[in-house]
């Protein structure tokens, strides 16, 4: 017996991904793990957008999801570049250390 994935299942999955990413972002101090947590939040939003597009029978949800994936890729590239620059400058990836850092 084949089962289908319903609208509610996709919304629960998207919500679970977003909440997991939010908890990871708030609980971590390492910048790389914080960026990974934001990517998990983005994926939760993508799943939700695709679910709404599928529910309404339109491709706008999939188009919005594609746009979000592009934004997530750009954010990851810029974020990783900033993290590497910060690590070279201070030798630490602790987010708390960056709050106390002054401009030189």
PDB file of N, CA and C in Angstrom:
ATOM      1  N   UNK A   1       0.844  -1.169   0.000  1.00  0.00           N
ATOM      2  CA  UNK A   1       0.000   0.000   0.000  1.00  0.00           C
ATOM      3  C   UNK A   1       0.897   1.242   0.000  1.00  0.00           C
ATOM      4  N   UNK A   2       0.715   2.062  -1.013  1.00  0.00           N
ATOM      5  CA  UNK A   2       1.535   3.262  -1.145  1.00  0.00           C
ATOM      6  C   UNK A   2       0.927   4.396  -0.332  1.00  0.00           C
ATOM      7  N   UNK A   3       1.776   5.102   0.372  1.00  0.00           N
ATOM      8  CA  UNK A   3       1.286   6.248   1.125  1.00  0.00           C
ATOM      9  C   UNK A   3       1.797   7.520   0.455  1.00  0.00           C
ATOM     10  N   UNK A   4       1.032   8.560   0.560  1.00  0.00           N
ATOM     11  CA  UNK A   4       1.431   9.825  -0.026  1.00  0.00           C
ATOM     12  C   UNK A   4       1.785  10.812   1.091  1.00  0.00           C
ATOM     13  N   UNK A   5       2.651  11.698   0.756  1.00  0.00           N
ATOM     14  CA  UNK A   5       3.029  12.729   1.708  1.00  0.00           C
ATOM     15  C   UNK A   5       2.045  13.875   1.539  1.00  0.00           C
ATOM     16  N   UNK A   6       1.348  14.194   2.600  1.00  0.00           N
ATOM     17  CA  UNK A   6       0.323  15.218   2.540  1.00  0.00           C
ATOM     18  C   UNK A   6       0.856  16.600   2.870  1.00  0.00           C
ATOM     19  N   UNK A   7      -0.027  17.561   2.712  1.00  0.00           N
ATOM     20  CA  UNK A   7       0.296  18.958   2.960  1.00  0.00           C
ATOM     21  C   UNK A   7       0.719  19.175   4.408  1.00  0.00           C
ATOM     22  N   UNK A   8      -0.017  18.580   5.326  1.00  0.00           N
ATOM     23  CA  UNK A   8       0.280  18.755   6.756  1.00  0.00           C
ATOM     24  C   UNK A   8       1.640  18.148   7.094  1.00  0.00           C
ATOM     25  N   UNK A   9       1.970  17.016   6.487  1.00  0.00           N
ATOM     26  CA  UNK A   9       3.267  16.387   6.737  1.00  0.00           C
ATOM     27  C   UNK A   9       4.415  17.307   6.316  1.00  0.00           C
ATOM     28  N   UNK A  10       4.248  17.951   5.160  1.00  0.00           N
ATOM     29  CA  UNK A  10       5.294  18.857   4.696  1.00  0.00           C
ATOM     30  C   UNK A  10       5.410  20.092   5.587  1.00  0.00           C
ATOM     31  N   UNK A  11       4.270  20.593   6.064  1.00  0.00           N
ATOM     32  CA  UNK A  11       4.319  21.740   6.974  1.00  0.00           C
ATOM     33  C   UNK A  11       4.982  21.378   8.294  1.00  0.00           C
ATOM     34  N   UNK A  12       4.711  20.187   8.792  1.00  0.00           N
ATOM     35  CA  UNK A  12       5.347  19.744  10.034  1.00  0.00           C
ATOM     36  C   UNK A  12       6.851  19.585   9.826  1.00  0.00           C
ATOM     37  N   UNK A  13       7.248  19.028   8.689  1.00  0.00           N
ATOM     38  CA  UNK A  13       8.674  18.875   8.390  1.00  0.00           C
ATOM     39  C   UNK A  13       9.360  20.234   8.272  1.00  0.00           C
ATOM     40  N   UNK A  14       8.740  21.163   7.555  1.00  0.00           N
ATOM     41  CA  UNK A  14       9.313  22.499   7.418  1.00  0.00           C
ATOM     42  C   UNK A  14       9.421  23.208   8.758  1.00  0.00           C
ATOM     43  N   UNK A  15       8.387  23.066   9.586  1.00  0.00           N
ATOM     44  CA  UNK A  15       8.416  23.682  10.914  1.00  0.00           C
ATOM     45  C   UNK A  15       9.501  23.064  11.787  1.00  0.00           C
ATOM     46  N   UNK A  16       9.621  21.744  11.722  1.00  0.00           N
ATOM     47  CA  UNK A  16      10.638  21.060  12.524  1.00  0.00           C
ATOM     48  C   UNK A  16      12.043  21.486  12.101  1.00  0.00           C
ATOM     49  N   UNK A  17      12.273  21.611  10.792  1.00  0.00           N
ATOM     50  CA  UNK A  17      13.579  22.060  10.321  1.00  0.00           C
ATOM     51  C   UNK A  17      13.863  23.485  10.782  1.00  0.00           C
ATOM     52  N   UNK A  18      12.863  24.357  10.676  1.00  0.00           N
ATOM     53  CA  UNK A  18      13.076  25.744  11.077  1.00  0.00           C
ATOM     54  C   UNK A  18      13.355  25.854  12.577  1.00  0.00           C
ATOM     55  N   UNK A  19      12.578  25.148  13.397  1.00  0.00           N
ATOM     56  CA  UNK A  19      12.765  25.218  14.848  1.00  0.00           C
ATOM     57  C   UNK A  19      14.108  24.612  15.251  1.00  0.00           C
ATOM     58  N   UNK A  20      14.504  23.533  14.582  1.00  0.00           N
ATOM     59  CA  UNK A  20      15.808  22.932  14.861  1.00  0.00           C
ATOM     60  C   UNK A  20      16.936  23.901  14.522  1.00  0.00           C
ATOM     61  N   UNK A  21      16.824  24.565  13.375  1.00  0.00           N
ATOM     62  CA  UNK A  21      17.828  25.547  12.990  1.00  0.00           C
ATOM     63  C   UNK A  21      17.863  26.732  13.933  1.00  0.00           C
ATOM     64  N   UNK A  22      16.694  27.194  14.363  1.00  0.00           N
ATOM     65  CA  UNK A  22      16.635  28.320  15.295  1.00  0.00           C
ATOM     66  C   UNK A  22      17.255  27.955  16.635  1.00  0.00           C
ATOM     67  N   UNK A  23      16.952  26.763  17.125  1.00  0.00           N
ATOM     68  CA  UNK A  23      17.544  26.315  18.388  1.00  0.00           C
ATOM     69  C   UNK A  23      19.060  26.174  18.255  1.00  0.00           C
ATOM     70  N   UNK A  24      19.512  25.655  17.131  1.00  0.00           N
ATOM     71  CA  UNK A  24      20.951  25.531  16.904  1.00  0.00           C
ATOM     72  C   UNK A  24      21.637  26.882  16.813  1.00  0.00           C
ATOM     73  N   UNK A  25      20.973  27.848  16.192  1.00  0.00           N
ATOM     74  CA  UNK A  25      21.554  29.185  16.073  1.00  0.00           C
ATOM     75  C   UNK A  25      21.665  29.857  17.431  1.00  0.00           C
ATOM     76  N   UNK A  26      20.643  29.716  18.251  1.00  0.00           N
ATOM     77  CA  UNK A  26      20.642  30.375  19.553  1.00  0.00           C
ATOM     78  C   UNK A  26      21.537  29.675  20.572  1.00  0.00           C
ATOM     79  N   UNK A  27      21.768  28.383  20.397  1.00  0.00           N
ATOM     80  CA  UNK A  27      22.536  27.623  21.386  1.00  0.00           C
ATOM     81  C   UNK A  27      24.035  27.616  21.111  1.00  0.00           C
ATOM     82  N   UNK A  28      24.443  27.868  19.889  1.00  0.00           N
ATOM     83  CA  UNK A  28      25.858  27.748  19.526  1.00  0.00           C
ATOM     84  C   UNK A  28      26.582  29.074  19.613  1.00  0.00           C
ATOM     85  N   UNK A  29      27.891  28.978  19.802  1.00  0.00           N
ATOM     86  CA  UNK A  29      28.739  30.158  19.796  1.00  0.00           C
ATOM     87  C   UNK A  29      29.755  30.111  18.664  1.00  0.00           C
ATOM     88  N   UNK A  30      29.911  28.956  18.056  1.00  0.00           N
ATOM     89  CA  UNK A  30      30.839  28.806  16.947  1.00  0.00           C
ATOM     90  C   UNK A  30      30.183  29.374  15.689  1.00  0.00           C
ATOM     91  N   UNK A  31      30.899  30.245  14.978  1.00  0.00           N
ATOM     92  CA  UNK A  31      30.318  30.923  13.822  1.00  0.00           C
ATOM     93  C   UNK A  31      29.950  29.961  12.702  1.00  0.00           C
ATOM     94  N   UNK A  32      30.748  28.935  12.477  1.00  0.00           N
ATOM     95  CA  UNK A  32      30.442  27.974  11.409  1.00  0.00           C
ATOM     96  C   UNK A  32      29.150  27.225  11.735  1.00  0.00           C
ATOM     97  N   UNK A  33      28.982  26.810  12.980  1.00  0.00           N
ATOM     98  CA  UNK A  33      27.753  26.108  13.357  1.00  0.00           C
ATOM     99  C   UNK A  33      26.543  27.033  13.303  1.00  0.00           C
ATOM    100  N   UNK A  34      26.753  28.309  13.568  1.00  0.00           N
ATOM    101  CA  UNK A  34      25.655  29.260  13.446  1.00  0.00           C
ATOM    102  C   UNK A  34      25.228  29.404  11.986  1.00  0.00           C
ATOM    103  N   UNK A  35      26.183  29.430  11.070  1.00  0.00           N
ATOM    104  CA  UNK A  35      25.843  29.498   9.653  1.00  0.00           C
ATOM    105  C   UNK A  35      25.153  28.221   9.184  1.00  0.00           C
ATOM    106  N   UNK A  36      25.585  27.074   9.687  1.00  0.00           N
ATOM    107  CA  UNK A  36      24.903  25.821   9.339  1.00  0.00           C
ATOM    108  C   UNK A  36      23.470  25.824   9.853  1.00  0.00           C
ATOM    109  N   UNK A  37      23.259  26.383  11.031  1.00  0.00           N
ATOM    110  CA  UNK A  37      21.912  26.456  11.576  1.00  0.00           C
ATOM    111  C   UNK A  37      21.026  27.364  10.727  1.00  0.00           C
ATOM    112  N   UNK A  38      21.574  28.455  10.203  1.00  0.00           N
ATOM    113  CA  UNK A  38      20.769  29.307   9.321  1.00  0.00           C
ATOM    114  C   UNK A  38      20.429  28.588   8.025  1.00  0.00           C
ATOM    115  N   UNK A  39      21.311  27.739   7.548  1.00  0.00           N
ATOM    116  CA  UNK A  39      21.008  26.951   6.347  1.00  0.00           C
ATOM    117  C   UNK A  39      19.877  25.962   6.619  1.00  0.00           C
ATOM    118  N   UNK A  40      19.854  25.383   7.806  1.00  0.00           N
ATOM    119  CA  UNK A  40      18.753  24.476   8.159  1.00  0.00           C
ATOM    120  C   UNK A  40      17.440  25.247   8.223  1.00  0.00           C
ATOM    121  N   UNK A  41      17.481  26.477   8.743  1.00  0.00           N
ATOM    122  CA  UNK A  41      16.268  27.308   8.762  1.00  0.00           C
ATOM    123  C   UNK A  41      15.811  27.621   7.348  1.00  0.00           C
ATOM    124  N   UNK A  42      16.754  27.937   6.451  1.00  0.00           N
ATOM    125  CA  UNK A  42      16.397  28.178   5.054  1.00  0.00           C
ATOM    126  C   UNK A  42      15.737  26.956   4.434  1.00  0.00           C
ATOM    127  N   UNK A  43      16.251  25.775   4.735  1.00  0.00           N
ATOM    128  CA  UNK A  43      15.668  24.561   4.156  1.00  0.00           C
ATOM    129  C   UNK A  43      14.248  24.317   4.665  1.00  0.00           C
ATOM    130  N   UNK A  44      13.992  24.676   5.916  1.00  0.00           N
ATOM    131  CA  UNK A  44      12.638  24.581   6.441  1.00  0.00           C
ATOM    132  C   UNK A  44      11.683  25.501   5.697  1.00  0.00           C
ATOM    133  N   UNK A  45      12.143  26.700   5.371  1.00  0.00           N
ATOM    134  CA  UNK A  45      11.324  27.636   4.619  1.00  0.00           C
ATOM    135  C   UNK A  45      11.107  27.134   3.195  1.00  0.00           C
ATOM    136  N   UNK A  46      12.127  26.537   2.593  1.00  0.00           N
ATOM    137  CA  UNK A  46      12.010  26.003   1.239  1.00  0.00           C
ATOM    138  C   UNK A  46      10.971  24.885   1.201  1.00  0.00           C
ATOM    139  N   UNK A  47      11.022  23.976   2.158  1.00  0.00           N
ATOM    140  CA  UNK A  47      10.040  22.878   2.206  1.00  0.00           C
ATOM    141  C   UNK A  47       8.629  23.436   2.353  1.00  0.00           C
ATOM    142  N   UNK A  48       8.467  24.453   3.183  1.00  0.00           N
ATOM    143  CA  UNK A  48       7.156  25.056   3.372  1.00  0.00           C
ATOM    144  C   UNK A  48       6.675  25.751   2.101  1.00  0.00           C
ATOM    145  N   UNK A  49       7.549  26.453   1.403  1.00  0.00           N
ATOM    146  CA  UNK A  49       7.169  27.119   0.152  1.00  0.00           C
ATOM    147  C   UNK A  49       6.741  26.109  -0.907  1.00  0.00           C
ATOM    148  N   UNK A  50       7.476  25.020  -1.021  1.00  0.00           N
ATOM    149  CA  UNK A  50       7.104  23.978  -1.979  1.00  0.00           C
ATOM    150  C   UNK A  50       5.767  23.339  -1.592  1.00  0.00           C
ATOM    151  N   UNK A  51       5.541  23.144  -0.305  1.00  0.00           N
ATOM    152  CA  UNK A  51       4.278  22.562   0.156  1.00  0.00           C
ATOM    153  C   UNK A  51       3.099  23.458  -0.203  1.00  0.00           C
ATOM    154  N   UNK A  52       3.237  24.759   0.021  1.00  0.00           N
ATOM    155  CA  UNK A  52       2.146  25.673  -0.315  1.00  0.00           C
ATOM    156  C   UNK A  52       1.928  25.743  -1.824  1.00  0.00           C
ATOM    157  N   UNK A  53       3.011  25.726  -2.594  1.00  0.00           N
ATOM    158  CA  UNK A  53       2.877  25.717  -4.047  1.00  0.00           C
ATOM    159  C   UNK A  53       2.174  24.468  -4.538  1.00  0.00           C
ATOM    160  N   UNK A  54       2.515  23.338  -3.958  1.00  0.00           N
ATOM    161  CA  UNK A  54       1.877  22.079  -4.338  1.00  0.00           C
ATOM    162  C   UNK A  54       0.409  22.052  -3.904  1.00  0.00           C
ATOM    163  N   UNK A  55       0.123  22.591  -2.740  1.00  0.00           N
ATOM    164  CA  UNK A  55      -1.239  22.606  -2.228  1.00  0.00           C
ATOM    165  C   UNK A  55      -2.156  23.450  -3.110  1.00  0.00           C
ATOM    166  N   UNK A  56      -1.648  24.588  -3.581  1.00  0.00           N
ATOM    167  CA  UNK A  56      -2.447  25.469  -4.418  1.00  0.00           C
ATOM    168  C   UNK A  56      -2.360  25.126  -5.900  1.00  0.00           C
ATOM    169  N   UNK A  57      -1.545  24.154  -6.250  1.00  0.00           N
ATOM    170  CA  UNK A  57      -1.444  23.717  -7.639  1.00  0.00           C
ATOM    171  C   UNK A  57      -0.767  24.726  -8.546  1.00  0.00           C
ATOM    172  N   UNK A  58       0.132  25.517  -8.006  1.00  0.00           N
ATOM    173  CA  UNK A  58       0.847  26.526  -8.786  1.00  0.00           C
ATOM    174  C   UNK A  58       2.346  26.298  -8.664  1.00  0.00           C
ATOM    175  N   UNK A  59       3.065  26.831  -9.621  1.00  0.00           N
ATOM    176  CA  UNK A  59       4.521  26.709  -9.595  1.00  0.00           C
ATOM    177  C   UNK A  59       5.195  27.857  -8.857  1.00  0.00           C
ATOM    178  N   UNK A  60       4.415  28.768  -8.311  1.00  0.00           N
ATOM    179  CA  UNK A  60       5.012  29.911  -7.622  1.00  0.00           C
ATOM    180  C   UNK A  60       5.781  29.476  -6.373  1.00  0.00           C
ATOM    181  N   UNK A  61       5.317  28.434  -5.689  1.00  0.00           N
ATOM    182  CA  UNK A  61       6.033  27.930  -4.522  1.00  0.00           C
ATOM    183  C   UNK A  61       7.394  27.368  -4.891  1.00  0.00           C
ATOM    184  N   UNK A  62       7.447  26.630  -6.011  1.00  0.00           N
ATOM    185  CA  UNK A  62       8.717  26.079  -6.460  1.00  0.00           C
ATOM    186  C   UNK A  62       9.650  27.180  -6.949  1.00  0.00           C
ATOM    187  N   UNK A  63       9.092  28.204  -7.613  1.00  0.00           N
ATOM    188  CA  UNK A  63       9.924  29.321  -8.073  1.00  0.00           C
ATOM    189  C   UNK A  63      10.488  30.082  -6.879  1.00  0.00           C
ATOM    190  N   UNK A  64       9.666  30.302  -5.867  1.00  0.00           N
ATOM    191  CA  UNK A  64      10.137  30.979  -4.662  1.00  0.00           C
ATOM    192  C   UNK A  64      11.190  30.139  -3.950  1.00  0.00           C
ATOM    193  N   UNK A  65      10.999  28.819  -3.935  1.00  0.00           N
ATOM    194  CA  UNK A  65      11.985  27.930  -3.314  1.00  0.00           C
ATOM    195  C   UNK A  65      13.321  28.004  -4.053  1.00  0.00           C
ATOM    196  N   UNK A  66      13.275  28.068  -5.372  1.00  0.00           N
ATOM    197  CA  UNK A  66      14.514  28.195  -6.154  1.00  0.00           C
ATOM    198  C   UNK A  66      15.216  29.511  -5.829  1.00  0.00           C
ATOM    199  N   UNK A  67      14.446  30.589  -5.712  1.00  0.00           N
ATOM    200  CA  UNK A  67      15.014  31.880  -5.330  1.00  0.00           C
ATOM    201  C   UNK A  67      15.651  31.799  -3.941  1.00  0.00           C
ATOM    202  N   UNK A  68      14.979  31.134  -3.002  1.00  0.00           N
ATOM    203  CA  UNK A  68      15.536  30.982  -1.649  1.00  0.00           C
ATOM    204  C   UNK A  68      16.816  30.161  -1.649  1.00  0.00           C
ATOM    205  N   UNK A  69      16.900  29.143  -2.492  1.00  0.00           N
ATOM    206  CA  UNK A  69      18.131  28.354  -2.582  1.00  0.00           C
ATOM    207  C   UNK A  69      19.287  29.195  -3.114  1.00  0.00           C
ATOM    208  N   UNK A  70      18.987  30.089  -4.062  1.00  0.00           N
ATOM    209  CA  UNK A  70      20.031  30.982  -4.576  1.00  0.00           C
ATOM    210  C   UNK A  70      20.487  31.938  -3.480  1.00  0.00           C
ATOM    211  N   UNK A  71      19.544  32.493  -2.730  1.00  0.00           N
ATOM    212  CA  UNK A  71      19.890  33.396  -1.627  1.00  0.00           C
ATOM    213  C   UNK A  71      20.710  32.651  -0.572  1.00  0.00           C
ATOM    214  N   UNK A  72      20.336  31.403  -0.278  1.00  0.00           N
ATOM    215  CA  UNK A  72      21.076  30.621   0.712  1.00  0.00           C
ATOM    216  C   UNK A  72      22.498  30.335   0.237  1.00  0.00           C
ATOM    217  N   UNK A  73      22.668  30.069  -1.054  1.00  0.00           N
ATOM    218  CA  UNK A  73      24.008  29.813  -1.575  1.00  0.00           C
ATOM    219  C   UNK A  73      24.877  31.065  -1.500  1.00  0.00           C
ATOM    220  N   UNK A  74      24.302  32.211  -1.827  1.00  0.00           N
ATOM    221  CA  UNK A  74      25.056  33.458  -1.744  1.00  0.00           C
ATOM    222  C   UNK A  74      25.401  33.780  -0.295  1.00  0.00           C
ATOM    223  N   UNK A  75      24.421  33.577   0.592  1.00  0.00           N
ATOM    224  CA  UNK A  75      24.660  33.821   2.022  1.00  0.00           C
ATOM    225  C   UNK A  75      25.759  32.911   2.552  1.00  0.00           C
ATOM    226  N   UNK A  76      25.761  31.666   2.131  1.00  0.00           N
ATOM    227  CA  UNK A  76      26.787  30.730   2.589  1.00  0.00           C
ATOM    228  C   UNK A  76      28.167  31.139   2.078  1.00  0.00           C
ATOM    229  N   UNK A  77      28.240  31.571   0.821  1.00  0.00           N
ATOM    230  CA  UNK A  77      29.534  31.975   0.263  1.00  0.00           C
ATOM    231  C   UNK A  77      30.064  33.228   0.959  1.00  0.00           C
ATOM    232  N   UNK A  78      29.218  34.227   1.127  1.00  0.00           N
ATOM    233  CA  UNK A  78      29.657  35.447   1.804  1.00  0.00           C
ATOM    234  C   UNK A  78      29.958  35.196   3.277  1.00  0.00           C
ATOM    235  N   UNK A  79      29.112  34.415   3.924  1.00  0.00           N
ATOM    236  CA  UNK A  79      29.322  34.114   5.336  1.00  0.00           C
ATOM    237  C   UNK A  79      30.607  33.352   5.568  1.00  0.00           C
ATOM    238  N   UNK A  80      30.878  32.369   4.712  1.00  0.00           N
ATOM    239  CA  UNK A  80      32.113  31.607   4.863  1.00  0.00           C
ATOM    240  C   UNK A  80      33.332  32.493   4.629  1.00  0.00           C
ATOM    241  N   UNK A  81      33.241  33.376   3.662  1.00  0.00           N
ATOM    242  CA  UNK A  81      34.346  34.316   3.434  1.00  0.00           C
ATOM    243  C   UNK A  81      34.595  35.208   4.636  1.00  0.00           C
ATOM    244  N   UNK A  82      33.515  35.694   5.246  1.00  0.00           N
ATOM    245  CA  UNK A  82      33.670  36.530   6.439  1.00  0.00           C
ATOM    246  C   UNK A  82      34.227  35.739   7.614  1.00  0.00           C
ATOM    247  N   UNK A  83      33.781  34.512   7.762  1.00  0.00           N
ATOM    248  CA  UNK A  83      34.279  33.681   8.858  1.00  0.00           C
ATOM    249  C   UNK A  83      35.769  33.410   8.687  1.00  0.00           C
ATOM    250  N   UNK A  84      36.197  33.108   7.477  1.00  0.00           N
ATOM    251  CA  UNK A  84      37.624  32.868   7.231  1.00  0.00           C
ATOM    252  C   UNK A  84      38.423  34.134   7.518  1.00  0.00           C
ATOM    253  N   UNK A  85      37.904  35.289   7.091  1.00  0.00           N
ATOM    254  CA  UNK A  85      38.590  36.548   7.362  1.00  0.00           C
ATOM    255  C   UNK A  85      38.685  36.817   8.858  1.00  0.00           C
ATOM    256  N   UNK A  86      37.607  36.579   9.582  1.00  0.00           N
ATOM    257  CA  UNK A  86      37.616  36.793  11.033  1.00  0.00           C
ATOM    258  C   UNK A  86      38.566  35.832  11.734  1.00  0.00           C
ATOM    259  N   UNK A  87      38.599  34.579  11.270  1.00  0.00           N
ATOM    260  CA  UNK A  87      39.490  33.602  11.890  1.00  0.00           C
ATOM    261  C   UNK A  87      40.945  33.987  11.663  1.00  0.00           C
ATOM    262  N   UNK A  88      41.260  34.461  10.473  1.00  0.00           N
ATOM    263  CA  UNK A  88      42.640  34.877  10.204  1.00  0.00           C
ATOM    264  C   UNK A  88      43.033  36.076  11.047  1.00  0.00           C
ATOM    265  N   UNK A  89      42.061  36.923  11.333  1.00  0.00           N
ATOM    266  CA  UNK A  89      42.357  38.136  12.087  1.00  0.00           C
ATOM    267  C   UNK A  89      42.514  37.865  13.577  1.00  0.00           C
ATOM    268  N   UNK A  90      41.673  36.985  14.126  1.00  0.00           N
ATOM    269  CA  UNK A  90      41.719  36.803  15.581  1.00  0.00           C
ATOM    270  C   UNK A  90      42.142  35.394  16.018  1.00  0.00           C
ATOM    271  N   UNK A  91      42.037  34.423  15.142  1.00  0.00           N
ATOM    272  CA  UNK A  91      42.408  33.064  15.517  1.00  0.00           C
ATOM    273  C   UNK A  91      41.333  32.322  16.292  1.00  0.00           C
ATOM    274  N   UNK A  92      40.117  32.856  16.302  1.00  0.00           N
ATOM    275  CA  UNK A  92      39.035  32.230  17.056  1.00  0.00           C
ATOM    276  C   UNK A  92      37.749  32.285  16.241  1.00  0.00           C
ATOM    277  N   UNK A  93      36.899  31.285  16.422  1.00  0.00           N
ATOM    278  CA  UNK A  93      35.585  31.283  15.791  1.00  0.00           C
ATOM    279  C   UNK A  93      34.468  31.487  16.809  1.00  0.00           C
ATOM    280  N   UNK A  94      34.828  31.885  18.008  1.00  0.00           N
ATOM    281  CA  UNK A  94      33.841  32.122  19.048  1.00  0.00           C
ATOM    282  C   UNK A  94      33.126  33.443  18.781  1.00  0.00           C
ATOM    283  N   UNK A  95      31.806  33.403  18.696  1.00  0.00           N
ATOM    284  CA  UNK A  95      31.025  34.608  18.410  1.00  0.00           C
ATOM    285  C   UNK A  95      31.120  35.619  19.544  1.00  0.00           C
ATOM    286  N   UNK A  96      31.303  35.155  20.746  1.00  0.00           N
ATOM    287  CA  UNK A  96      31.405  36.056  21.904  1.00  0.00           C
ATOM    288  C   UNK A  96      32.671  36.905  21.817  1.00  0.00           C
ATOM    289  N   UNK A  97      33.728  36.355  21.252  1.00  0.00           N
ATOM    290  CA  UNK A  97      34.975  37.112  21.113  1.00  0.00           C
ATOM    291  C   UNK A  97      34.814  38.268  20.143  1.00  0.00           C
ATOM    292  N   UNK A  98      33.898  38.151  19.202  1.00  0.00           N
ATOM    293  CA  UNK A  98      33.699  39.204  18.212  1.00  0.00           C
ATOM    294  C   UNK A  98      32.905  40.372  18.768  1.00  0.00           C
ATOM    295  N   UNK A  99      32.168  40.173  19.821  1.00  0.00           N
ATOM    296  CA  UNK A  99      31.436  41.281  20.433  1.00  0.00           C
ATOM    297  C   UNK A  99      32.384  42.261  21.121  1.00  0.00           C
ATOM    298  N   UNK A 100      33.459  41.735  21.665  1.00  0.00           N
ATOM    299  CA  UNK A 100      34.397  42.579  22.400  1.00  0.00           C
ATOM    300  C   UNK A 100      35.476  43.167  21.519  1.00  0.00           C
ATOM    301  N   UNK A 101      35.538  42.728  20.275  1.00  0.00           N
ATOM    302  CA  UNK A 101      36.585  43.197  19.370  1.00  0.00           C
ATOM    303  C   UNK A 101      36.310  44.643  18.934  1.00  0.00           C
ATOM    304  N   UNK A 102      37.355  45.431  18.990  1.00  0.00           N
ATOM    305  CA  UNK A 102      37.223  46.827  18.559  1.00  0.00           C
ATOM    306  C   UNK A 102      37.897  47.001  17.216  1.00  0.00           C
ATOM    307  N   UNK A 103      37.495  48.025  16.513  1.00  0.00           N
ATOM    308  CA  UNK A 103      38.102  48.319  15.218  1.00  0.00           C
ATOM    309  C   UNK A 103      39.496  48.894  15.442  1.00  0.00           C
ATOM    310  N   UNK A 104      40.397  48.429  14.650  1.00  0.00           N
ATOM    311  CA  UNK A 104      41.791  48.869  14.798  1.00  0.00           C
ATOM    312  C   UNK A 104      42.165  49.863  13.742  1.00  0.00           C
TER     313      UNK A 104
END
